[in-house]
Structures are given as structure tokens and as C-alpha cells.
Amino acid sequence: MRLILFALVFSLLSVAAFADGTPKLHTSYKDWAVLTRDVDGDLLCYVRSFAIDKTPQNVNHGDVVFFVGTWRSGLAMEQPSLMTGYPIRAKSPPKAKVGNSSITMFSAGQEAFVETEKNEKRLVRAMRKGSRLRVEAMSERGTATAYEFSLSGVSAALKKANSLCS
């Protein structure tokens, strides 16, 4: 059931981030933007950052974005996800790494999520303390990819997003 909830929440997060209509940008803290969007009467507050490094450099990755989303209704609280410009191989789970912390994710199409609430909290806690987030994934075609995200500003951005949805 939790897996289905994650897929629903993050599919809505992705739709909110890239659908017709523009989410409201509230502010940016260094490399992280704080946005909100009304989704069927519920307020979605989220932070996002684009990959600052993509490997291998000779392939088209599309936009690669890392999100952490919270819903005012409490449906989700600080749930991290990754969106790529290509389908991620489900049988090769992506890994998110911050410092010594490594969290295995699961993929659904072009997105990757953290499966348990405990690991979500662990990843977000590490993000607040760290300087770089690295996510390694495998494309459906079998290309090993890796992405680097700056964590500069993530703590302030999360604080602002949480205040907007409280």
C-alpha cells in the first residue's frame, strides 16, 4: 500500500512541477527553489534542484531534477524523489548518496523514490547536513548514469516549504 501511495504522491508532484500552468515560485535559497501548487484543492509545497553534473556526458539525460515534497493535508511529509528525462531500469534500483549515507530507491518510469518513511527521513536528514547529493541510476537501455546535486540552500528551502504547508 505504501508503494502505491508513493507512486501516487510523486506522480502528482511531477505533474505539479511540469504540467500546464505554472507552479508558484516563492523564493530560492542558493541551489534550491521553493514552489507551491494547488492540486485538486490540496496545497503541495516542494523544493527542487537541477543536477549540476550528469555522467556520462555523451548521452541525452534530459532535465534531471531532485524534489522534496510536502502536502498541506499531510499526505506526504518531506518525501524525496528524482525525475530524469528517460525511463529508469526498475531491476537496477537507483542509489542516493550523501556523505556516508546511501539509500536505495525504486523507480517508476522516469522517476525514483525512497520506499520507506524511515529512509526518507534518513536521506533528508543527510541532505540537510551534507554538501553534495549523488544519485546513480541505470537507464532502461542499460546506460549507467550518475548525477550530482548541490545541497547548498536545501535546509533553508525545506524550512520555507514546510512553513508554507503548515
N, C-alpha and C. Protein backbone atom coordinates (compact mmCIF):
# COMPACT_ATOMS: atom_id res chain seq x y z
N MET A 1 0.82 -1.19 0.00
CA MET A 1 0.00 0.00 0.00
C MET A 1 0.87 1.26 0.00
N ARG A 2 1.93 1.24 0.82
CA ARG A 2 2.81 2.42 0.89
C ARG A 2 3.45 2.69 -0.47
N LEU A 3 3.82 1.64 -1.19
CA LEU A 3 4.41 1.79 -2.52
C LEU A 3 3.43 2.49 -3.46
N ILE A 4 2.16 2.12 -3.42
CA ILE A 4 1.15 2.74 -4.26
C ILE A 4 0.98 4.20 -3.88
N LEU A 5 0.98 4.49 -2.57
CA LEU A 5 0.86 5.87 -2.11
C LEU A 5 2.02 6.70 -2.61
N PHE A 6 3.25 6.16 -2.54
CA PHE A 6 4.42 6.89 -3.03
C PHE A 6 4.27 7.21 -4.51
N ALA A 7 3.90 6.23 -5.29
CA ALA A 7 3.77 6.45 -6.73
C ALA A 7 2.72 7.51 -7.00
N LEU A 8 1.61 7.48 -6.29
CA LEU A 8 0.56 8.48 -6.46
C LEU A 8 1.06 9.86 -6.07
N VAL A 9 1.68 9.96 -4.91
CA VAL A 9 2.15 11.25 -4.42
C VAL A 9 3.16 11.85 -5.39
N PHE A 10 4.12 11.05 -5.82
CA PHE A 10 5.16 11.61 -6.67
C PHE A 10 4.72 11.79 -8.10
N SER A 11 3.79 11.01 -8.55
CA SER A 11 3.24 11.28 -9.88
C SER A 11 2.55 12.63 -9.86
N LEU A 12 1.82 12.91 -8.79
CA LEU A 12 1.19 14.22 -8.65
C LEU A 12 2.23 15.32 -8.50
N LEU A 13 3.31 15.04 -7.78
CA LEU A 13 4.38 16.02 -7.63
C LEU A 13 4.97 16.33 -9.00
N SER A 14 5.21 15.31 -9.78
CA SER A 14 5.78 15.52 -11.11
C SER A 14 4.82 16.29 -11.99
N VAL A 15 3.56 15.93 -11.93
CA VAL A 15 2.56 16.65 -12.71
C VAL A 15 2.53 18.10 -12.25
N ALA A 16 2.58 18.30 -10.95
CA ALA A 16 2.53 19.67 -10.43
C ALA A 16 3.73 20.47 -10.89
N ALA A 17 4.86 19.82 -11.00
CA ALA A 17 6.07 20.54 -11.36
C ALA A 17 6.14 20.86 -12.85
N PHE A 18 5.55 20.03 -13.69
CA PHE A 18 5.76 20.19 -15.12
C PHE A 18 4.50 20.27 -15.96
N ALA A 19 3.34 20.26 -15.35
CA ALA A 19 2.09 20.28 -16.11
C ALA A 19 1.81 21.67 -16.66
N ASP A 20 0.78 21.75 -17.51
CA ASP A 20 0.32 23.05 -17.97
C ASP A 20 0.00 23.89 -16.75
N GLY A 21 0.22 25.17 -16.86
CA GLY A 21 0.06 26.03 -15.69
C GLY A 21 1.38 26.09 -14.97
N THR A 22 1.60 27.17 -14.27
CA THR A 22 2.89 27.37 -13.64
C THR A 22 2.77 27.28 -12.14
N PRO A 23 3.60 26.46 -11.50
CA PRO A 23 3.64 26.45 -10.04
C PRO A 23 4.11 27.83 -9.56
N LYS A 24 3.78 28.18 -8.35
CA LYS A 24 4.20 29.47 -7.81
C LYS A 24 5.58 29.34 -7.18
N LEU A 25 6.53 30.08 -7.74
CA LEU A 25 7.88 30.14 -7.17
C LEU A 25 7.86 31.17 -6.05
N HIS A 26 8.19 30.73 -4.84
CA HIS A 26 8.19 31.63 -3.69
C HIS A 26 9.56 32.28 -3.50
N THR A 27 10.59 31.49 -3.56
CA THR A 27 11.93 32.02 -3.35
C THR A 27 12.94 30.94 -3.71
N SER A 28 14.19 31.32 -3.74
CA SER A 28 15.27 30.36 -3.93
C SER A 28 16.30 30.59 -2.85
N TYR A 29 16.88 29.52 -2.40
CA TYR A 29 17.99 29.55 -1.46
C TYR A 29 19.15 28.86 -2.13
N LYS A 30 20.07 29.63 -2.62
CA LYS A 30 21.23 29.14 -3.36
C LYS A 30 20.78 28.22 -4.48
N ASP A 31 21.00 26.90 -4.38
CA ASP A 31 20.70 25.99 -5.49
C ASP A 31 19.32 25.33 -5.41
N TRP A 32 18.49 25.75 -4.45
CA TRP A 32 17.18 25.12 -4.24
C TRP A 32 16.07 26.15 -4.34
N ALA A 33 15.06 25.83 -5.12
CA ALA A 33 13.88 26.69 -5.28
C ALA A 33 12.75 26.14 -4.42
N VAL A 34 11.90 27.03 -3.92
CA VAL A 34 10.73 26.67 -3.13
C VAL A 34 9.49 27.03 -3.95
N LEU A 35 8.64 26.04 -4.18
CA LEU A 35 7.46 26.23 -5.01
C LEU A 35 6.23 25.66 -4.32
N THR A 36 5.06 26.16 -4.74
CA THR A 36 3.79 25.56 -4.30
C THR A 36 2.89 25.42 -5.51
N ARG A 37 1.91 24.58 -5.35
CA ARG A 37 0.94 24.34 -6.42
C ARG A 37 -0.32 23.76 -5.80
N ASP A 38 -1.45 24.26 -6.20
CA ASP A 38 -2.72 23.69 -5.76
C ASP A 38 -3.00 22.47 -6.63
N VAL A 39 -3.22 21.34 -6.00
CA VAL A 39 -3.52 20.11 -6.72
C VAL A 39 -4.82 19.56 -6.16
N ASP A 40 -5.87 19.72 -6.91
CA ASP A 40 -7.20 19.23 -6.51
C ASP A 40 -7.57 19.69 -5.10
N GLY A 41 -7.31 20.94 -4.79
CA GLY A 41 -7.71 21.51 -3.51
C GLY A 41 -6.73 21.29 -2.37
N ASP A 42 -5.66 20.60 -2.63
CA ASP A 42 -4.63 20.38 -1.61
C ASP A 42 -3.38 21.16 -2.03
N LEU A 43 -2.72 21.78 -1.08
CA LEU A 43 -1.53 22.55 -1.40
C LEU A 43 -0.30 21.66 -1.33
N LEU A 44 0.45 21.64 -2.41
CA LEU A 44 1.71 20.91 -2.48
C LEU A 44 2.83 21.94 -2.34
N CYS A 45 3.70 21.76 -1.37
CA CYS A 45 4.86 22.62 -1.15
C CYS A 45 6.09 21.76 -1.40
N TYR A 46 6.99 22.25 -2.25
CA TYR A 46 8.14 21.42 -2.57
C TYR A 46 9.36 22.26 -2.88
N VAL A 47 10.49 21.61 -2.75
CA VAL A 47 11.76 22.22 -3.14
C VAL A 47 12.31 21.40 -4.28
N ARG A 48 13.11 22.07 -5.13
CA ARG A 48 13.69 21.34 -6.25
C ARG A 48 15.05 21.92 -6.58
N SER A 49 15.88 21.05 -7.15
CA SER A 49 17.19 21.46 -7.63
C SER A 49 17.52 20.64 -8.87
N PHE A 50 18.18 21.28 -9.81
CA PHE A 50 18.59 20.59 -11.04
C PHE A 50 20.00 20.04 -10.86
N ALA A 51 20.28 18.92 -11.51
CA ALA A 51 21.61 18.31 -11.44
C ALA A 51 22.66 19.30 -11.94
N ILE A 52 23.76 19.40 -11.20
CA ILE A 52 24.85 20.27 -11.62
C ILE A 52 25.90 19.51 -12.41
N ASP A 53 25.83 18.17 -12.36
CA ASP A 53 26.73 17.34 -13.14
C ASP A 53 25.99 16.07 -13.55
N LYS A 54 26.15 15.68 -14.82
CA LYS A 54 25.50 14.49 -15.36
C LYS A 54 26.55 13.66 -16.07
N THR A 55 26.62 12.37 -15.71
CA THR A 55 27.54 11.47 -16.42
C THR A 55 26.79 10.22 -16.86
N PRO A 56 27.18 9.64 -17.99
CA PRO A 56 28.21 10.10 -18.91
C PRO A 56 27.74 11.35 -19.64
N GLN A 57 28.69 12.15 -20.08
CA GLN A 57 28.37 13.42 -20.70
C GLN A 57 27.98 13.29 -22.18
N ASN A 58 28.18 12.12 -22.74
CA ASN A 58 27.89 11.95 -24.17
C ASN A 58 26.48 11.40 -24.45
N VAL A 59 25.59 11.41 -23.45
CA VAL A 59 24.22 10.95 -23.67
C VAL A 59 23.24 12.06 -23.30
N ASN A 60 22.03 11.98 -23.84
CA ASN A 60 21.00 12.96 -23.55
C ASN A 60 20.24 12.51 -22.30
N HIS A 61 20.43 13.22 -21.21
CA HIS A 61 19.77 12.89 -19.94
C HIS A 61 18.42 13.58 -19.81
N GLY A 62 18.19 14.62 -20.60
CA GLY A 62 17.02 15.47 -20.40
C GLY A 62 17.19 16.25 -19.10
N ASP A 63 16.13 16.86 -18.63
CA ASP A 63 16.19 17.55 -17.34
C ASP A 63 16.26 16.51 -16.24
N VAL A 64 17.16 16.71 -15.30
CA VAL A 64 17.29 15.81 -14.15
C VAL A 64 17.10 16.69 -12.91
N VAL A 65 16.05 16.37 -12.16
CA VAL A 65 15.64 17.23 -11.05
C VAL A 65 15.43 16.38 -9.79
N PHE A 66 15.87 16.91 -8.65
CA PHE A 66 15.60 16.26 -7.37
C PHE A 66 14.59 17.12 -6.62
N PHE A 67 13.58 16.46 -6.07
CA PHE A 67 12.50 17.13 -5.34
C PHE A 67 12.43 16.62 -3.90
N VAL A 68 11.89 17.45 -3.03
CA VAL A 68 11.42 17.01 -1.72
C VAL A 68 10.07 17.69 -1.53
N GLY A 69 9.01 16.89 -1.39
CA GLY A 69 7.66 17.44 -1.37
C GLY A 69 6.89 17.18 -0.09
N THR A 70 6.07 18.15 0.28
CA THR A 70 5.18 18.06 1.45
C THR A 70 3.80 18.55 1.04
N TRP A 71 2.77 17.85 1.48
CA TRP A 71 1.39 18.24 1.20
C TRP A 71 0.78 18.83 2.47
N ARG A 72 0.06 19.92 2.32
CA ARG A 72 -0.58 20.55 3.48
C ARG A 72 -1.49 19.56 4.21
N SER A 73 -2.17 18.69 3.48
CA SER A 73 -3.10 17.72 4.09
C SER A 73 -2.38 16.67 4.92
N GLY A 74 -1.06 16.57 4.78
CA GLY A 74 -0.32 15.54 5.50
C GLY A 74 -0.16 14.26 4.70
N LEU A 75 -0.64 14.23 3.47
CA LEU A 75 -0.49 13.05 2.61
C LEU A 75 0.96 12.62 2.50
N ALA A 76 1.87 13.60 2.46
CA ALA A 76 3.30 13.31 2.40
C ALA A 76 4.04 14.41 3.14
N MET A 77 5.12 14.03 3.81
CA MET A 77 5.95 14.99 4.53
C MET A 77 7.41 14.78 4.12
N GLU A 78 7.99 15.77 3.48
CA GLU A 78 9.39 15.74 3.08
C GLU A 78 9.77 14.43 2.38
N GLN A 79 9.05 14.12 1.32
CA GLN A 79 9.33 12.92 0.55
C GLN A 79 10.22 13.26 -0.64
N PRO A 80 11.42 12.66 -0.68
CA PRO A 80 12.36 12.93 -1.77
C PRO A 80 12.05 12.09 -3.01
N SER A 81 12.37 12.66 -4.17
CA SER A 81 12.24 11.92 -5.42
C SER A 81 13.17 12.51 -6.47
N LEU A 82 13.43 11.71 -7.48
CA LEU A 82 14.27 12.09 -8.61
C LEU A 82 13.44 11.98 -9.87
N MET A 83 13.61 12.92 -10.78
CA MET A 83 12.99 12.81 -12.09
C MET A 83 14.09 12.98 -13.14
N THR A 84 14.09 12.05 -14.10
CA THR A 84 15.06 12.09 -15.19
C THR A 84 14.33 12.30 -16.51
N GLY A 85 15.06 12.47 -17.55
CA GLY A 85 14.48 12.66 -18.87
C GLY A 85 14.37 11.36 -19.65
N TYR A 86 14.47 10.24 -18.97
CA TYR A 86 14.42 8.93 -19.63
C TYR A 86 13.90 7.90 -18.62
N PRO A 87 13.39 6.75 -19.10
CA PRO A 87 12.94 5.70 -18.18
C PRO A 87 14.12 5.06 -17.44
N ILE A 88 13.94 4.86 -16.16
CA ILE A 88 14.96 4.24 -15.30
C ILE A 88 14.67 2.74 -15.22
N ARG A 89 15.71 1.94 -15.32
CA ARG A 89 15.57 0.49 -15.25
C ARG A 89 15.12 0.07 -13.85
N ALA A 90 13.96 -0.58 -13.78
CA ALA A 90 13.37 -0.98 -12.50
C ALA A 90 14.20 -2.05 -11.79
N LYS A 91 14.85 -2.92 -12.54
CA LYS A 91 15.60 -4.03 -11.93
C LYS A 91 16.96 -3.61 -11.40
N SER A 92 17.35 -2.37 -11.64
CA SER A 92 18.61 -1.83 -11.13
C SER A 92 18.29 -0.59 -10.31
N PRO A 93 17.95 -0.78 -9.04
CA PRO A 93 17.47 0.35 -8.24
C PRO A 93 18.50 1.48 -8.13
N PRO A 94 18.05 2.71 -8.31
CA PRO A 94 18.94 3.86 -8.12
C PRO A 94 19.40 3.94 -6.67
N LYS A 95 20.54 4.58 -6.46
CA LYS A 95 21.06 4.80 -5.12
C LYS A 95 21.32 6.28 -4.94
N ALA A 96 20.85 6.81 -3.82
CA ALA A 96 21.10 8.21 -3.45
C ALA A 96 22.16 8.19 -2.36
N LYS A 97 23.19 9.02 -2.52
CA LYS A 97 24.30 9.04 -1.56
C LYS A 97 24.60 10.46 -1.13
N VAL A 98 24.70 10.64 0.18
CA VAL A 98 25.15 11.91 0.77
C VAL A 98 26.18 11.51 1.82
N GLY A 99 27.41 11.93 1.63
CA GLY A 99 28.47 11.55 2.57
C GLY A 99 28.53 10.03 2.69
N ASN A 100 28.45 9.52 3.92
CA ASN A 100 28.49 8.07 4.16
C ASN A 100 27.12 7.41 4.08
N SER A 101 26.06 8.19 3.93
CA SER A 101 24.71 7.63 3.85
C SER A 101 24.39 7.23 2.42
N SER A 102 23.87 6.03 2.27
CA SER A 102 23.45 5.53 0.96
C SER A 102 22.05 4.93 1.10
N ILE A 103 21.13 5.39 0.27
CA ILE A 103 19.74 4.94 0.33
C ILE A 103 19.37 4.36 -1.03
N THR A 104 18.86 3.14 -1.03
CA THR A 104 18.38 2.52 -2.26
C THR A 104 16.99 3.06 -2.56
N MET A 105 16.77 3.41 -3.80
CA MET A 105 15.48 3.94 -4.25
C MET A 105 14.81 2.89 -5.12
N PHE A 106 13.58 3.14 -5.52
CA PHE A 106 12.93 2.30 -6.52
C PHE A 106 12.47 3.22 -7.64
N SER A 107 12.33 2.67 -8.82
CA SER A 107 11.96 3.51 -9.95
C SER A 107 10.59 3.16 -10.48
N ALA A 108 9.97 4.17 -11.08
CA ALA A 108 8.69 4.03 -11.75
C ALA A 108 8.75 4.96 -12.96
N GLY A 109 9.03 4.40 -14.12
CA GLY A 109 9.15 5.23 -15.31
C GLY A 109 10.38 6.12 -15.23
N GLN A 110 10.16 7.42 -15.31
CA GLN A 110 11.25 8.39 -15.29
C GLN A 110 11.53 8.92 -13.89
N GLU A 111 10.94 8.31 -12.89
CA GLU A 111 11.08 8.80 -11.53
C GLU A 111 11.65 7.73 -10.60
N ALA A 112 12.26 8.20 -9.51
CA ALA A 112 12.76 7.29 -8.49
C ALA A 112 12.35 7.84 -7.13
N PHE A 113 12.03 6.93 -6.22
CA PHE A 113 11.50 7.29 -4.91
C PHE A 113 12.18 6.46 -3.83
N VAL A 114 12.07 6.93 -2.59
CA VAL A 114 12.56 6.17 -1.44
C VAL A 114 11.37 5.39 -0.90
N GLU A 115 11.58 4.09 -0.64
CA GLU A 115 10.45 3.22 -0.33
C GLU A 115 9.89 3.38 1.08
N THR A 116 10.72 3.58 2.08
CA THR A 116 10.21 3.63 3.44
C THR A 116 10.32 5.03 4.03
N GLU A 117 9.40 5.34 4.91
CA GLU A 117 9.42 6.64 5.58
C GLU A 117 10.70 6.81 6.39
N LYS A 118 11.16 5.75 7.00
CA LYS A 118 12.40 5.80 7.78
C LYS A 118 13.58 6.23 6.90
N ASN A 119 13.69 5.66 5.71
CA ASN A 119 14.78 6.01 4.80
C ASN A 119 14.58 7.38 4.16
N GLU A 120 13.34 7.79 3.97
CA GLU A 120 13.09 9.15 3.50
C GLU A 120 13.67 10.15 4.50
N LYS A 121 13.32 9.94 5.76
CA LYS A 121 13.80 10.84 6.81
C LYS A 121 15.32 10.80 6.91
N ARG A 122 15.89 9.61 6.78
CA ARG A 122 17.34 9.46 6.84
C ARG A 122 18.02 10.23 5.70
N LEU A 123 17.46 10.13 4.50
CA LEU A 123 18.03 10.83 3.36
C LEU A 123 17.91 12.34 3.52
N VAL A 124 16.74 12.82 3.90
CA VAL A 124 16.54 14.26 4.06
C VAL A 124 17.42 14.81 5.18
N ARG A 125 17.57 14.05 6.26
CA ARG A 125 18.47 14.45 7.36
C ARG A 125 19.91 14.58 6.85
N ALA A 126 20.34 13.61 6.05
CA ALA A 126 21.70 13.65 5.47
C ALA A 126 21.83 14.83 4.50
N MET A 127 20.79 15.10 3.74
CA MET A 127 20.82 16.22 2.81
C MET A 127 21.01 17.54 3.56
N ARG A 128 20.35 17.68 4.69
CA ARG A 128 20.46 18.92 5.48
C ARG A 128 21.89 19.12 5.99
N LYS A 129 22.58 18.03 6.26
CA LYS A 129 23.94 18.10 6.82
C LYS A 129 25.02 18.08 5.75
N GLY A 130 24.70 17.59 4.56
CA GLY A 130 25.72 17.36 3.54
C GLY A 130 25.94 18.54 2.62
N SER A 131 26.88 18.34 1.69
CA SER A 131 27.17 19.38 0.70
C SER A 131 26.83 18.93 -0.73
N ARG A 132 26.82 17.61 -0.96
CA ARG A 132 26.51 17.07 -2.29
C ARG A 132 25.63 15.84 -2.16
N LEU A 133 24.70 15.72 -3.08
CA LEU A 133 23.86 14.54 -3.23
C LEU A 133 24.25 13.91 -4.55
N ARG A 134 24.52 12.62 -4.54
CA ARG A 134 24.84 11.89 -5.76
C ARG A 134 23.79 10.79 -5.93
N VAL A 135 23.23 10.71 -7.12
CA VAL A 135 22.27 9.65 -7.42
C VAL A 135 22.80 8.88 -8.61
N GLU A 136 22.91 7.56 -8.45
CA GLU A 136 23.35 6.67 -9.52
C GLU A 136 22.16 5.85 -9.97
N ALA A 137 21.97 5.78 -11.28
CA ALA A 137 20.82 5.06 -11.84
C ALA A 137 21.25 4.36 -13.12
N MET A 138 20.38 3.48 -13.59
CA MET A 138 20.61 2.76 -14.85
C MET A 138 19.41 3.04 -15.75
N SER A 139 19.69 3.47 -16.98
CA SER A 139 18.59 3.72 -17.91
C SER A 139 18.00 2.39 -18.37
N GLU A 140 16.78 2.43 -18.89
CA GLU A 140 16.14 1.23 -19.44
C GLU A 140 17.01 0.62 -20.52
N ARG A 141 17.79 1.42 -21.24
CA ARG A 141 18.67 0.93 -22.30
C ARG A 141 19.97 0.32 -21.77
N GLY A 142 20.21 0.46 -20.46
CA GLY A 142 21.41 -0.13 -19.88
C GLY A 142 22.57 0.83 -19.70
N THR A 143 22.33 2.12 -19.81
CA THR A 143 23.39 3.11 -19.60
C THR A 143 23.47 3.46 -18.12
N ALA A 144 24.65 3.27 -17.53
CA ALA A 144 24.86 3.66 -16.13
C ALA A 144 25.01 5.18 -16.09
N THR A 145 24.22 5.84 -15.25
CA THR A 145 24.25 7.29 -15.13
C THR A 145 24.51 7.70 -13.70
N ALA A 146 24.99 8.91 -13.52
CA ALA A 146 25.20 9.47 -12.18
C ALA A 146 24.95 10.96 -12.24
N TYR A 147 24.37 11.47 -11.16
CA TYR A 147 24.02 12.88 -11.08
C TYR A 147 24.48 13.46 -9.76
N GLU A 148 24.97 14.68 -9.83
CA GLU A 148 25.40 15.41 -8.64
C GLU A 148 24.47 16.61 -8.47
N PHE A 149 24.04 16.80 -7.24
CA PHE A 149 23.21 17.95 -6.87
C PHE A 149 23.90 18.67 -5.72
N SER A 150 23.99 19.99 -5.84
CA SER A 150 24.49 20.78 -4.72
C SER A 150 23.41 20.80 -3.64
N LEU A 151 23.83 20.71 -2.40
CA LEU A 151 22.89 20.80 -1.29
C LEU A 151 22.93 22.18 -0.63
N SER A 152 23.61 23.10 -1.28
CA SER A 152 23.70 24.46 -0.77
C SER A 152 22.32 25.11 -0.81
N GLY A 153 21.79 25.46 0.35
CA GLY A 153 20.49 26.10 0.46
C GLY A 153 19.34 25.16 0.74
N VAL A 154 19.58 23.84 0.76
CA VAL A 154 18.47 22.91 0.93
C VAL A 154 17.80 23.04 2.29
N SER A 155 18.56 23.26 3.36
CA SER A 155 17.95 23.36 4.70
C SER A 155 17.00 24.55 4.78
N ALA A 156 17.43 25.71 4.30
CA ALA A 156 16.58 26.90 4.32
C ALA A 156 15.36 26.70 3.42
N ALA A 157 15.55 26.07 2.27
CA ALA A 157 14.44 25.83 1.35
C ALA A 157 13.41 24.90 1.98
N LEU A 158 13.86 23.83 2.62
CA LEU A 158 12.93 22.91 3.28
C LEU A 158 12.18 23.60 4.41
N LYS A 159 12.86 24.42 5.15
CA LYS A 159 12.21 25.17 6.24
C LYS A 159 11.10 26.06 5.69
N LYS A 160 11.39 26.76 4.60
CA LYS A 160 10.39 27.63 3.98
C LYS A 160 9.22 26.83 3.42
N ALA A 161 9.50 25.73 2.72
CA ALA A 161 8.44 24.90 2.16
C ALA A 161 7.54 24.35 3.26
N ASN A 162 8.14 23.90 4.34
CA ASN A 162 7.36 23.36 5.46
C ASN A 162 6.48 24.45 6.09
N SER A 163 7.00 25.67 6.18
CA SER A 163 6.20 26.76 6.76
C SER A 163 5.02 27.11 5.84
N LEU A 164 5.20 26.99 4.53
CA LEU A 164 4.11 27.29 3.60
C LEU A 164 3.00 26.24 3.67
N CYS A 165 3.33 25.03 4.08
CA CYS A 165 2.33 23.96 4.13
C CYS A 165 1.89 23.65 5.56
N SER A 166 2.26 24.48 6.51
CA SER A 166 1.83 24.19 7.89
C SER A 166 0.51 24.85 8.22
